[in-house]
Full PDB file with SEQRES, HELIX, SHEET, SSBOND, CRYST1, ORIGX, SCALE, CONECT and MASTER records, all heavy atoms in Angstrom:
SEQRES   1 A   39  ASN THR SER SER HIS SER LEU THR ALA TRP GLU VAL ALA          
SEQRES   2 A   39  GLU LEU ARG SER VAL THR GLY GLN GLU ILE LEU ASP ARG          
SEQRES   3 A   39  PHE PRO GLY GLU PRO ALA ALA GLY GLY CYS VAL PRO GLY          
HELIX    1 AA1 LEU A    7  ALA A    9  5                                   3    
HELIX    2 AA2 GLY A   20  ILE A   23  1                                   4    
HELIX    3 AA3 LEU A   24  ARG A   26  5                                   3    
HELIX    4 AA4 ALA A   33  GLY A   35  5                                   3    
CRYST1    1.000    1.000    1.000  90.00  90.00  90.00 P 1           1          
ORIGX1      1.000000  0.000000  0.000000        0.00000                         
ORIGX2      0.000000  1.000000  0.000000        0.00000                         
ORIGX3      0.000000  0.000000  1.000000        0.00000                         
SCALE1      1.000000  0.000000  0.000000        0.00000                         
SCALE2      0.000000  1.000000  0.000000        0.00000                         
SCALE3      0.000000  0.000000  1.000000        0.00000                         
ATOM      1  N   ASN A   1      73.757 126.658  38.596  1.00  0.00           N  
ATOM      2  CA  ASN A   1      74.386 127.943  38.317  1.00  0.00           C  
ATOM      3  C   ASN A   1      74.678 128.158  36.838  1.00  0.00           C  
ATOM      4  O   ASN A   1      75.468 129.042  36.482  1.00  0.00           O  
ATOM      5  CB  ASN A   1      75.677 128.085  39.125  1.00  0.00           C  
ATOM      6  CG  ASN A   1      75.414 128.118  40.610  1.00  0.00           C  
ATOM      7  OD1 ASN A   1      75.786 127.201  41.325  1.00  0.00           O  
ATOM      8  ND2 ASN A   1      74.743 129.150  41.092  1.00  0.00           N  
ATOM      9  N   THR A   2      74.050 127.374  35.988  1.00  0.00           N  
ATOM     10  CA  THR A   2      74.226 127.550  34.542  1.00  0.00           C  
ATOM     11  C   THR A   2      73.015 128.258  33.957  1.00  0.00           C  
ATOM     12  O   THR A   2      71.943 128.269  34.557  1.00  0.00           O  
ATOM     13  CB  THR A   2      74.412 126.198  33.824  1.00  0.00           C  
ATOM     14  OG1 THR A   2      73.204 125.447  33.914  1.00  0.00           O  
ATOM     15  CG2 THR A   2      75.565 125.409  34.422  1.00  0.00           C  
ATOM     16  N   SER A   3      73.179 128.805  32.782  1.00  0.00           N  
ATOM     17  CA  SER A   3      72.057 129.421  32.073  1.00  0.00           C  
ATOM     18  C   SER A   3      71.309 128.381  31.256  1.00  0.00           C  
ATOM     19  O   SER A   3      70.092 128.428  31.141  1.00  0.00           O  
ATOM     20  CB  SER A   3      72.561 130.531  31.147  1.00  0.00           C  
ATOM     21  OG  SER A   3      73.153 131.552  31.909  1.00  0.00           O  
ATOM     22  N   SER A   4      72.044 127.439  30.693  1.00  0.00           N  
ATOM     23  CA  SER A   4      71.428 126.443  29.813  1.00  0.00           C  
ATOM     24  C   SER A   4      70.768 125.300  30.578  1.00  0.00           C  
ATOM     25  O   SER A   4      69.821 124.704  30.096  1.00  0.00           O  
ATOM     26  CB  SER A   4      72.485 125.847  28.884  1.00  0.00           C  
ATOM     27  OG  SER A   4      73.424 125.095  29.640  1.00  0.00           O  
ATOM     28  N   HIS A   5      71.301 124.957  31.747  1.00  0.00           N  
ATOM     29  CA  HIS A   5      70.842 123.798  32.541  1.00  0.00           C  
ATOM     30  C   HIS A   5      70.929 122.517  31.718  1.00  0.00           C  
ATOM     31  O   HIS A   5      70.167 121.586  31.921  1.00  0.00           O  
ATOM     32  CB  HIS A   5      69.426 124.000  33.075  1.00  0.00           C  
ATOM     33  CG  HIS A   5      69.303 125.201  33.947  1.00  0.00           C  
ATOM     34  ND1 HIS A   5      69.814 125.254  35.226  1.00  0.00           N  
ATOM     35  CD2 HIS A   5      68.761 126.434  33.706  1.00  0.00           C  
ATOM     36  CE1 HIS A   5      69.567 126.444  35.744  1.00  0.00           C  
ATOM     37  NE2 HIS A   5      68.953 127.175  34.839  1.00  0.00           N  
ATOM     38  N   SER A   6      71.863 122.501  30.780  1.00  0.00           N  
ATOM     39  CA  SER A   6      72.021 121.346  29.893  1.00  0.00           C  
ATOM     40  C   SER A   6      73.483 120.922  29.832  1.00  0.00           C  
ATOM     41  O   SER A   6      74.357 121.738  29.513  1.00  0.00           O  
ATOM     42  CB  SER A   6      71.545 121.704  28.482  1.00  0.00           C  
ATOM     43  OG  SER A   6      71.842 120.658  27.589  1.00  0.00           O  
ATOM     44  N   LEU A   7      73.719 119.663  30.112  1.00  0.00           N  
ATOM     45  CA  LEU A   7      75.080 119.119  30.056  1.00  0.00           C  
ATOM     46  C   LEU A   7      75.659 119.196  28.653  1.00  0.00           C  
ATOM     47  O   LEU A   7      76.870 119.300  28.484  1.00  0.00           O  
ATOM     48  CB  LEU A   7      75.081 117.674  30.566  1.00  0.00           C  
ATOM     49  CG  LEU A   7      76.417 116.953  30.625  1.00  0.00           C  
ATOM     50  CD1 LEU A   7      77.422 117.712  31.482  1.00  0.00           C  
ATOM     51  CD2 LEU A   7      76.230 115.545  31.163  1.00  0.00           C  
ATOM     52  N   THR A   8      74.802 119.192  27.631  1.00  0.00           N  
ATOM     53  CA  THR A   8      75.300 119.252  26.254  1.00  0.00           C  
ATOM     54  C   THR A   8      75.978 120.586  25.941  1.00  0.00           C  
ATOM     55  O   THR A   8      76.733 120.674  24.986  1.00  0.00           O  
ATOM     56  CB  THR A   8      74.172 119.005  25.235  1.00  0.00           C  
ATOM     57  OG1 THR A   8      73.168 120.009  25.408  1.00  0.00           O  
ATOM     58  CG2 THR A   8      73.572 117.623  25.409  1.00  0.00           C  
ATOM     59  N   ALA A   9      75.712 121.618  26.735  1.00  0.00           N  
ATOM     60  CA  ALA A   9      76.347 122.919  26.517  1.00  0.00           C  
ATOM     61  C   ALA A   9      77.719 122.994  27.183  1.00  0.00           C  
ATOM     62  O   ALA A   9      78.408 124.001  27.058  1.00  0.00           O  
ATOM     63  CB  ALA A   9      75.453 124.032  27.057  1.00  0.00           C  
ATOM     64  N   TRP A  10      78.123 121.925  27.876  1.00  0.00           N  
ATOM     65  CA  TRP A  10      79.368 121.911  28.635  1.00  0.00           C  
ATOM     66  C   TRP A  10      80.239 120.742  28.226  1.00  0.00           C  
ATOM     67  O   TRP A  10      79.755 119.754  27.694  1.00  0.00           O  
ATOM     68  CB  TRP A  10      79.069 121.799  30.125  1.00  0.00           C  
ATOM     69  CG  TRP A  10      78.432 123.024  30.662  1.00  0.00           C  
ATOM     70  CD1 TRP A  10      77.093 123.326  30.643  1.00  0.00           C  
ATOM     71  CD2 TRP A  10      79.083 124.136  31.248  1.00  0.00           C  
ATOM     72  NE1 TRP A  10      76.893 124.558  31.197  1.00  0.00           N  
ATOM     73  CE2 TRP A  10      78.091 125.074  31.584  1.00  0.00           C  
ATOM     74  CE3 TRP A  10      80.402 124.423  31.538  1.00  0.00           C  
ATOM     75  CZ2 TRP A  10      78.391 126.291  32.184  1.00  0.00           C  
ATOM     76  CZ3 TRP A  10      80.703 125.628  32.142  1.00  0.00           C  
ATOM     77  CH2 TRP A  10      79.700 126.548  32.453  1.00  0.00           C  
ATOM     78  N   GLU A  11      81.526 120.871  28.503  1.00  0.00           N  
ATOM     79  CA  GLU A  11      82.449 119.756  28.300  1.00  0.00           C  
ATOM     80  C   GLU A  11      83.364 119.653  29.517  1.00  0.00           C  
ATOM     81  O   GLU A  11      83.643 120.643  30.193  1.00  0.00           O  
ATOM     82  CB  GLU A  11      83.261 119.926  27.028  1.00  0.00           C  
ATOM     83  CG  GLU A  11      84.079 121.189  26.962  1.00  0.00           C  
ATOM     84  CD  GLU A  11      84.715 121.408  25.601  1.00  0.00           C  
ATOM     85  OE1 GLU A  11      84.042 121.195  24.578  1.00  0.00           O  
ATOM     86  OE2 GLU A  11      85.898 121.805  25.575  1.00  0.00           O  
ATOM     87  N   VAL A  12      83.771 118.443  29.800  1.00  0.00           N  
ATOM     88  CA  VAL A  12      84.706 118.215  30.898  1.00  0.00           C  
ATOM     89  C   VAL A  12      86.099 118.496  30.353  1.00  0.00           C  
ATOM     90  O   VAL A  12      86.584 117.795  29.466  1.00  0.00           O  
ATOM     91  CB  VAL A  12      84.604 116.771  31.436  1.00  0.00           C  
ATOM     92  CG1 VAL A  12      85.647 116.525  32.508  1.00  0.00           C  
ATOM     93  CG2 VAL A  12      83.207 116.509  31.980  1.00  0.00           C  
ATOM     94  N   ALA A  13      86.726 119.547  30.858  1.00  0.00           N  
ATOM     95  CA  ALA A  13      88.056 119.928  30.401  1.00  0.00           C  
ATOM     96  C   ALA A  13      89.136 119.142  31.135  1.00  0.00           C  
ATOM     97  O   ALA A  13      90.220 118.920  30.604  1.00  0.00           O  
ATOM     98  CB  ALA A  13      88.268 121.424  30.597  1.00  0.00           C  
ATOM     99  N   GLU A  14      88.821 118.725  32.367  1.00  0.00           N  
ATOM    100  CA  GLU A  14      89.797 117.975  33.163  1.00  0.00           C  
ATOM    101  C   GLU A  14      89.042 117.176  34.215  1.00  0.00           C  
ATOM    102  O   GLU A  14      88.095 117.672  34.817  1.00  0.00           O  
ATOM    103  CB  GLU A  14      90.759 118.962  33.837  1.00  0.00           C  
ATOM    104  CG  GLU A  14      91.971 118.335  34.444  1.00  0.00           C  
ATOM    105  CD  GLU A  14      92.990 119.384  34.928  1.00  0.00           C  
ATOM    106  OE1 GLU A  14      92.848 120.582  34.611  1.00  0.00           O  
ATOM    107  OE2 GLU A  14      93.917 118.972  35.633  1.00  0.00           O  
ATOM    108  N   LEU A  15      89.470 115.942  34.427  1.00  0.00           N  
ATOM    109  CA  LEU A  15      88.892 115.092  35.467  1.00  0.00           C  
ATOM    110  C   LEU A  15      89.978 114.116  35.882  1.00  0.00           C  
ATOM    111  O   LEU A  15      90.333 113.226  35.113  1.00  0.00           O  
ATOM    112  CB  LEU A  15      87.659 114.348  34.946  1.00  0.00           C  
ATOM    113  CG  LEU A  15      86.705 113.777  35.985  1.00  0.00           C  
ATOM    114  CD1 LEU A  15      85.378 113.437  35.364  1.00  0.00           C  
ATOM    115  CD2 LEU A  15      87.227 112.645  36.777  1.00  0.00           C  
ATOM    116  N   ARG A  16      90.531 114.328  37.093  1.00  0.00           N  
ATOM    117  CA  ARG A  16      91.626 113.468  37.529  1.00  0.00           C  
ATOM    118  C   ARG A  16      91.638 113.326  39.041  1.00  0.00           C  
ATOM    119  O   ARG A  16      91.111 114.159  39.761  1.00  0.00           O  
ATOM    120  CB  ARG A  16      92.961 113.985  37.025  1.00  0.00           C  
ATOM    121  CG  ARG A  16      93.343 115.351  37.551  1.00  0.00           C  
ATOM    122  CD  ARG A  16      94.609 115.869  36.869  1.00  0.00           C  
ATOM    123  NE  ARG A  16      94.852 117.254  37.176  1.00  0.00           N  
ATOM    124  CZ  ARG A  16      95.723 117.680  38.071  1.00  0.00           C  
ATOM    125  NH1 ARG A  16      96.465 116.827  38.741  1.00  0.00           N  
ATOM    126  NH2 ARG A  16      95.883 118.973  38.297  1.00  0.00           N  
ATOM    127  N   SER A  17      92.275 112.271  39.486  1.00  0.00           N  
ATOM    128  CA  SER A  17      92.437 111.991  40.899  1.00  0.00           C  
ATOM    129  C   SER A  17      93.631 112.795  41.411  1.00  0.00           C  
ATOM    130  O   SER A  17      94.683 112.826  40.768  1.00  0.00           O  
ATOM    131  CB  SER A  17      92.679 110.493  41.091  1.00  0.00           C  
ATOM    132  OG  SER A  17      92.877 110.194  42.440  1.00  0.00           O  
ATOM    133  N   VAL A  18      93.452 113.470  42.552  1.00  0.00           N  
ATOM    134  CA  VAL A  18      94.502 114.324  43.112  1.00  0.00           C  
ATOM    135  C   VAL A  18      94.542 114.184  44.637  1.00  0.00           C  
ATOM    136  O   VAL A  18      93.621 113.662  45.242  1.00  0.00           O  
ATOM    137  CB  VAL A  18      94.269 115.813  42.764  1.00  0.00           C  
ATOM    138  CG1 VAL A  18      94.343 116.058  41.275  1.00  0.00           C  
ATOM    139  CG2 VAL A  18      92.954 116.310  43.335  1.00  0.00           C  
ATOM    140  N   THR A  19      95.611 114.714  45.220  1.00  0.00           N  
ATOM    141  CA  THR A  19      95.655 114.878  46.674  1.00  0.00           C  
ATOM    142  C   THR A  19      95.339 116.342  46.954  1.00  0.00           C  
ATOM    143  O   THR A  19      95.464 117.195  46.067  1.00  0.00           O  
ATOM    144  CB  THR A  19      97.050 114.542  47.249  1.00  0.00           C  
ATOM    145  OG1 THR A  19      97.997 115.482  46.735  1.00  0.00           O  
ATOM    146  CG2 THR A  19      97.468 113.115  46.921  1.00  0.00           C  
ATOM    147  N   GLY A  20      94.960 116.621  48.172  1.00  0.00           N  
ATOM    148  CA  GLY A  20      94.651 117.998  48.532  1.00  0.00           C  
ATOM    149  C   GLY A  20      95.827 118.934  48.337  1.00  0.00           C  
ATOM    150  O   GLY A  20      95.667 120.079  47.913  1.00  0.00           O  
ATOM    151  N   GLN A  21      97.031 118.460  48.622  1.00  0.00           N  
ATOM    152  CA  GLN A  21      98.236 119.282  48.482  1.00  0.00           C  
ATOM    153  C   GLN A  21      98.442 119.751  47.044  1.00  0.00           C  
ATOM    154  O   GLN A  21      98.832 120.888  46.809  1.00  0.00           O  
ATOM    155  CB  GLN A  21      99.466 118.495  48.959  1.00  0.00           C  
ATOM    156  CG  GLN A  21     100.738 119.311  48.999  1.00  0.00           C  
ATOM    157  CD  GLN A  21     100.666 120.461  49.995  1.00  0.00           C  
ATOM    158  OE1 GLN A  21     100.181 120.288  51.103  1.00  0.00           O  
ATOM    159  NE2 GLN A  21     101.132 121.620  49.602  1.00  0.00           N  
ATOM    160  N   GLU A  22      98.149 118.881  46.092  1.00  0.00           N  
ATOM    161  CA  GLU A  22      98.335 119.222  44.676  1.00  0.00           C  
ATOM    162  C   GLU A  22      97.415 120.343  44.219  1.00  0.00           C  
ATOM    163  O   GLU A  22      97.706 121.016  43.233  1.00  0.00           O  
ATOM    164  CB  GLU A  22      98.018 118.006  43.791  1.00  0.00           C  
ATOM    165  CG  GLU A  22      98.937 116.839  43.890  1.00  0.00           C  
ATOM    166  CD  GLU A  22      98.414 115.689  43.045  1.00  0.00           C  
ATOM    167  OE1 GLU A  22      98.428 115.800  41.801  1.00  0.00           O  
ATOM    168  OE2 GLU A  22      97.970 114.690  43.629  1.00  0.00           O  
ATOM    169  N   ILE A  23      96.292 120.515  44.879  1.00  0.00           N  
ATOM    170  CA  ILE A  23      95.209 121.315  44.343  1.00  0.00           C  
ATOM    171  C   ILE A  23      94.810 122.516  45.202  1.00  0.00           C  
ATOM    172  O   ILE A  23      93.948 123.289  44.809  1.00  0.00           O  
ATOM    173  CB  ILE A  23      94.016 120.355  44.100  1.00  0.00           C  
ATOM    174  CG1 ILE A  23      93.236 120.735  42.877  1.00  0.00           C  
ATOM    175  CG2 ILE A  23      93.165 120.178  45.293  1.00  0.00           C  
ATOM    176  CD1 ILE A  23      93.883 120.304  41.631  1.00  0.00           C  
ATOM    177  N   LEU A  24      95.452 122.680  46.356  1.00  0.00           N  
ATOM    178  CA  LEU A  24      95.071 123.745  47.289  1.00  0.00           C  
ATOM    179  C   LEU A  24      94.980 125.124  46.634  1.00  0.00           C  
ATOM    180  O   LEU A  24      94.047 125.880  46.894  1.00  0.00           O  
ATOM    181  CB  LEU A  24      96.074 123.814  48.445  1.00  0.00           C  
ATOM    182  CG  LEU A  24      95.852 122.856  49.592  1.00  0.00           C  
ATOM    183  CD1 LEU A  24      97.038 122.871  50.538  1.00  0.00           C  
ATOM    184  CD2 LEU A  24      94.576 123.159  50.326  1.00  0.00           C  
ATOM    185  N   ASP A  25      95.920 125.452  45.766  1.00  0.00           N  
ATOM    186  CA  ASP A  25      95.972 126.784  45.169  1.00  0.00           C  
ATOM    187  C   ASP A  25      94.902 127.037  44.111  1.00  0.00           C  
ATOM    188  O   ASP A  25      94.731 128.160  43.655  1.00  0.00           O  
ATOM    189  CB  ASP A  25      97.354 127.039  44.569  1.00  0.00           C  
ATOM    190  CG  ASP A  25      97.685 126.089  43.436  1.00  0.00           C  
ATOM    191  OD1 ASP A  25      97.126 124.974  43.410  1.00  0.00           O  
ATOM    192  OD2 ASP A  25      98.510 126.462  42.585  1.00  0.00           O  
ATOM    193  N   ARG A  26      94.140 126.029  43.722  1.00  0.00           N  
ATOM    194  CA  ARG A  26      93.120 126.201  42.679  1.00  0.00           C  
ATOM    195  C   ARG A  26      91.773 126.693  43.231  1.00  0.00           C  
ATOM    196  O   ARG A  26      90.855 126.932  42.456  1.00  0.00           O  
ATOM    197  CB  ARG A  26      92.882 124.873  41.946  1.00  0.00           C  
ATOM    198  CG  ARG A  26      94.114 124.250  41.368  1.00  0.00           C  
ATOM    199  CD  ARG A  26      94.276 124.571  39.916  1.00  0.00           C  
ATOM    200  NE  ARG A  26      95.543 124.078  39.417  1.00  0.00           N  
ATOM    201  CZ  ARG A  26      95.667 123.157  38.487  1.00  0.00           C  
ATOM    202  NH1 ARG A  26      94.608 122.607  37.960  1.00  0.00           N  
ATOM    203  NH2 ARG A  26      96.860 122.798  38.080  1.00  0.00           N  
ATOM    204  N   PHE A  27      91.651 126.810  44.551  1.00  0.00           N  
ATOM    205  CA  PHE A  27      90.378 127.187  45.150  1.00  0.00           C  
ATOM    206  C   PHE A  27      90.508 128.351  46.124  1.00  0.00           C  
ATOM    207  O   PHE A  27      90.041 128.288  47.258  1.00  0.00           O  
ATOM    208  CB  PHE A  27      89.751 125.972  45.854  1.00  0.00           C  
ATOM    209  CG  PHE A  27      89.391 124.884  44.894  1.00  0.00           C  
ATOM    210  CD1 PHE A  27      90.285 123.864  44.627  1.00  0.00           C  
ATOM    211  CD2 PHE A  27      88.176 124.900  44.231  1.00  0.00           C  
ATOM    212  CE1 PHE A  27      89.966 122.868  43.717  1.00  0.00           C  
ATOM    213  CE2 PHE A  27      87.853 123.910  43.315  1.00  0.00           C  
ATOM    214  CZ  PHE A  27      88.749 122.892  43.060  1.00  0.00           C  
ATOM    215  N   PRO A  28      91.122 129.452  45.692  1.00  0.00           N  
ATOM    216  CA  PRO A  28      91.263 130.597  46.603  1.00  0.00           C  
ATOM    217  C   PRO A  28      89.938 131.369  46.726  1.00  0.00           C  
ATOM    218  O   PRO A  28      89.117 131.376  45.808  1.00  0.00           O  
ATOM    219  CB  PRO A  28      92.319 131.452  45.915  1.00  0.00           C  
ATOM    220  CG  PRO A  28      92.095 131.189  44.458  1.00  0.00           C  
ATOM    221  CD  PRO A  28      91.701 129.730  44.387  1.00  0.00           C  
ATOM    222  N   GLY A  29      89.746 131.993  47.850  1.00  0.00           N  
ATOM    223  CA  GLY A  29      88.607 132.903  48.025  1.00  0.00           C  
ATOM    224  C   GLY A  29      87.251 132.233  48.021  1.00  0.00           C  
ATOM    225  O   GLY A  29      87.093 131.073  48.376  1.00  0.00           O  
ATOM    226  N   GLU A  30      86.276 132.997  47.587  1.00  0.00           N  
ATOM    227  CA  GLU A  30      84.885 132.560  47.574  1.00  0.00           C  
ATOM    228  C   GLU A  30      84.611 131.546  46.467  1.00  0.00           C  
ATOM    229  O   GLU A  30      85.311 131.537  45.451  1.00  0.00           O  
ATOM    230  CB  GLU A  30      83.967 133.769  47.373  1.00  0.00           C  
ATOM    231  CG  GLU A  30      84.002 134.758  48.521  1.00  0.00           C  
ATOM    232  CD  GLU A  30      83.490 134.151  49.815  1.00  0.00           C  
ATOM    233  OE1 GLU A  30      82.430 133.524  49.820  1.00  0.00           O  
ATOM    234  OE2 GLU A  30      84.184 134.312  50.837  1.00  0.00           O  
ATOM    235  N   PRO A  31      83.552 130.719  46.620  1.00  0.00           N  
ATOM    236  CA  PRO A  31      83.225 129.723  45.594  1.00  0.00           C  
ATOM    237  C   PRO A  31      82.896 130.322  44.229  1.00  0.00           C  
ATOM    238  O   PRO A  31      83.172 129.714  43.219  1.00  0.00           O  
ATOM    239  CB  PRO A  31      82.006 128.996  46.170  1.00  0.00           C  
ATOM    240  CG  PRO A  31      82.055 129.231  47.624  1.00  0.00           C  
ATOM    241  CD  PRO A  31      82.716 130.568  47.804  1.00  0.00           C  
ATOM    242  N   ALA A  32      82.284 131.511  44.206  1.00  0.00           N  
ATOM    243  CA  ALA A  32      81.951 132.145  42.933  1.00  0.00           C  
ATOM    244  C   ALA A  32      82.758 133.423  42.794  1.00  0.00           C  
ATOM    245  O   ALA A  32      82.520 134.398  43.502  1.00  0.00           O  
ATOM    246  CB  ALA A  32      80.459 132.443  42.858  1.00  0.00           C  
ATOM    247  N   ALA A  33      83.729 133.407  41.897  1.00  0.00           N  
ATOM    248  CA  ALA A  33      84.587 134.575  41.688  1.00  0.00           C  
ATOM    249  C   ALA A  33      83.747 135.727  41.153  1.00  0.00           C  
ATOM    250  O   ALA A  33      83.111 135.611  40.121  1.00  0.00           O  
ATOM    251  CB  ALA A  33      85.706 134.228  40.719  1.00  0.00           C  
ATOM    252  N   GLY A  34      83.722 136.828  41.866  1.00  0.00           N  
ATOM    253  CA  GLY A  34      82.964 137.994  41.425  1.00  0.00           C  
ATOM    254  C   GLY A  34      81.499 137.944  41.806  1.00  0.00           C  
ATOM    255  O   GLY A  34      80.791 138.926  41.680  1.00  0.00           O  
ATOM    256  N   GLY A  35      81.004 136.800  42.246  1.00  0.00           N  
ATOM    257  CA  GLY A  35      79.620 136.671  42.666  1.00  0.00           C  
ATOM    258  C   GLY A  35      78.602 136.911  41.576  1.00  0.00           C  
ATOM    259  O   GLY A  35      77.473 137.294  41.844  1.00  0.00           O  
ATOM    260  N   CYS A  36      78.963 136.699  40.314  1.00  0.00           N  
ATOM    261  CA  CYS A  36      78.054 137.030  39.216  1.00  0.00           C  
ATOM    262  C   CYS A  36      77.419 135.811  38.555  1.00  0.00           C  
ATOM    263  O   CYS A  36      76.860 135.933  37.479  1.00  0.00           O  
ATOM    264  CB  CYS A  36      78.812 137.848  38.169  1.00  0.00           C  
ATOM    265  SG  CYS A  36      80.199 136.949  37.449  1.00  0.00           S  
ATOM    266  N   VAL A  37      77.497 134.660  39.163  1.00  0.00           N  
ATOM    267  CA  VAL A  37      76.913 133.473  38.533  1.00  0.00           C  
ATOM    268  C   VAL A  37      75.398 133.478  38.694  1.00  0.00           C  
ATOM    269  O   VAL A  37      74.876 133.962  39.698  1.00  0.00           O  
ATOM    270  CB  VAL A  37      77.501 132.160  39.109  1.00  0.00           C  
ATOM    271  CG1 VAL A  37      78.967 132.049  38.811  1.00  0.00           C  
ATOM    272  CG2 VAL A  37      77.249 132.039  40.591  1.00  0.00           C  
ATOM    273  N   PRO A  38      74.676 132.963  37.694  1.00  0.00           N  
ATOM    274  CA  PRO A  38      73.224 132.867  37.828  1.00  0.00           C  
ATOM    275  C   PRO A  38      72.854 131.770  38.829  1.00  0.00           C  
ATOM    276  O   PRO A  38      73.681 130.929  39.172  1.00  0.00           O  
ATOM    277  CB  PRO A  38      72.766 132.497  36.409  1.00  0.00           C  
ATOM    278  CG  PRO A  38      73.939 131.857  35.768  1.00  0.00           C  
ATOM    279  CD  PRO A  38      75.156 132.465  36.414  1.00  0.00           C  
ATOM    280  N   GLY A  39      71.622 131.799  39.277  1.00  0.00           N  
ATOM    281  CA  GLY A  39      71.143 130.735  40.163  1.00  0.00           C  
ATOM    282  C   GLY A  39      71.490 130.979  41.619  1.00  0.00           C  
ATOM    283  O   GLY A  39      71.873 132.075  42.015  1.00  0.00           O  
TER     284      GLY A  39                                                      
MASTER        0    0    0    4    0    0    0    6  283    1    0    3          
END                                                                             
């Protein structure tokens, strides 16, 4: 779903171990907000 298809164009802003309870509110609705992602 990227335009570049290159990891060098991206950076990991956050990567951590969590429980489902901690993170439930971060994934509301559809997987692609607005449905405008390429691919």
